[in-house]
N, C-alpha and C. Protein backbone atom coordinates (compact mmCIF):
# COMPACT_ATOMS: atom_id res chain seq x y z
N MET A 1 -2.91 27.39 -9.55
CA MET A 1 -4.12 26.71 -9.14
C MET A 1 -3.62 25.35 -8.46
N LEU A 2 -2.96 24.69 -9.37
CA LEU A 2 -2.60 23.43 -8.70
C LEU A 2 -2.08 23.46 -7.37
N HIS A 3 -0.97 24.65 -7.27
CA HIS A 3 -0.30 24.63 -6.06
C HIS A 3 -1.39 25.13 -4.95
N ASP A 4 -2.39 25.82 -5.41
CA ASP A 4 -3.49 26.04 -4.01
C ASP A 4 -4.27 24.74 -3.71
N PHE A 5 -4.32 23.85 -4.56
CA PHE A 5 -4.82 22.57 -4.49
C PHE A 5 -4.14 21.64 -3.29
N PHE A 6 -2.89 21.88 -3.73
CA PHE A 6 -1.99 20.95 -2.57
C PHE A 6 -1.89 21.44 -1.35
N PHE A 7 -1.92 22.95 -1.55
CA PHE A 7 -1.84 23.50 0.06
C PHE A 7 -3.16 23.42 0.66
N PHE A 8 -4.28 23.49 0.01
CA PHE A 8 -5.54 23.29 0.78
C PHE A 8 -5.52 21.70 1.16
N GLU A 9 -5.10 20.64 0.43
CA GLU A 9 -5.06 19.30 0.83
C GLU A 9 -4.10 19.02 2.03
N SER A 10 -2.98 19.59 2.22
CA SER A 10 -2.02 19.63 3.21
C SER A 10 -2.58 20.07 4.49
N LYS A 11 -3.11 21.30 4.21
CA LYS A 11 -3.86 22.00 5.56
C LYS A 11 -5.09 20.89 5.82
N ARG A 12 -5.90 20.32 5.04
CA ARG A 12 -6.99 19.64 5.48
C ARG A 12 -6.38 18.17 6.42
N ILE A 13 -5.34 17.72 5.70
CA ILE A 13 -4.74 16.41 6.24
C ILE A 13 -4.24 17.01 7.70
N GLU A 14 -3.57 18.00 7.70
CA GLU A 14 -3.11 18.34 9.13
C GLU A 14 -4.22 18.64 10.14
N TYR A 15 -5.34 19.16 9.48
CA TYR A 15 -6.33 19.21 10.60
C TYR A 15 -6.87 17.72 10.93
N GLU A 16 -7.04 16.92 10.07
CA GLU A 16 -7.61 15.49 10.39
C GLU A 16 -6.42 14.81 11.21
N LEU A 17 -5.35 15.12 11.20
CA LEU A 17 -4.38 14.48 11.99
C LEU A 17 -4.54 14.94 13.28
N CYS A 18 -4.55 16.34 13.55
CA CYS A 18 -4.85 16.97 14.67
C CYS A 18 -6.13 16.43 15.51
N VAL A 19 -7.22 16.18 14.75
CA VAL A 19 -8.44 15.43 15.41
C VAL A 19 -8.24 14.22 15.97
N TYR A 20 -7.52 13.51 15.02
CA TYR A 20 -7.28 11.99 15.62
C TYR A 20 -6.29 12.22 16.97
N ASP A 21 -5.34 13.11 16.87
CA ASP A 21 -4.52 13.02 17.85
C ASP A 21 -5.56 13.39 19.27
N VAL A 22 -6.34 14.35 19.18
CA VAL A 22 -7.13 14.63 20.44
C VAL A 22 -7.88 13.32 20.68
N VAL A 23 -8.59 12.55 19.68
CA VAL A 23 -9.23 11.48 19.78
C VAL A 23 -8.64 10.45 20.80
N TYR A 24 -7.39 10.28 20.02
CA TYR A 24 -6.59 9.18 20.69
C TYR A 24 -6.21 9.81 22.18
N TYR A 25 -6.03 10.85 22.28
CA TYR A 25 -5.53 11.42 23.73
C TYR A 25 -6.79 11.06 24.73
N ASP A 26 -7.84 11.43 24.30
CA ASP A 26 -9.15 11.05 24.99
C ASP A 26 -9.51 9.78 25.49
N LEU A 27 -9.09 9.06 24.39
CA LEU A 27 -9.51 7.52 24.66
C LEU A 27 -8.37 6.88 25.67
N TYR A 28 -6.93 7.27 25.45
CA TYR A 28 -6.11 6.86 26.42
C TYR A 28 -6.06 7.32 27.83
N GLU A 29 -6.65 8.62 27.82
CA GLU A 29 -6.62 9.16 29.34
C GLU A 29 -7.50 8.73 30.12
N HIS A 30 -8.64 8.28 29.73
CA HIS A 30 -10.02 7.61 30.35
C HIS A 30 -10.02 6.02 30.53
């Protein structure tokens, strides 16, 4: 169960970082 929690957290963090990358890219492209 604890393992699932860490797995979920890592996926969430990965997703958030991806979103930040896209936002940064947008900001600096325009």
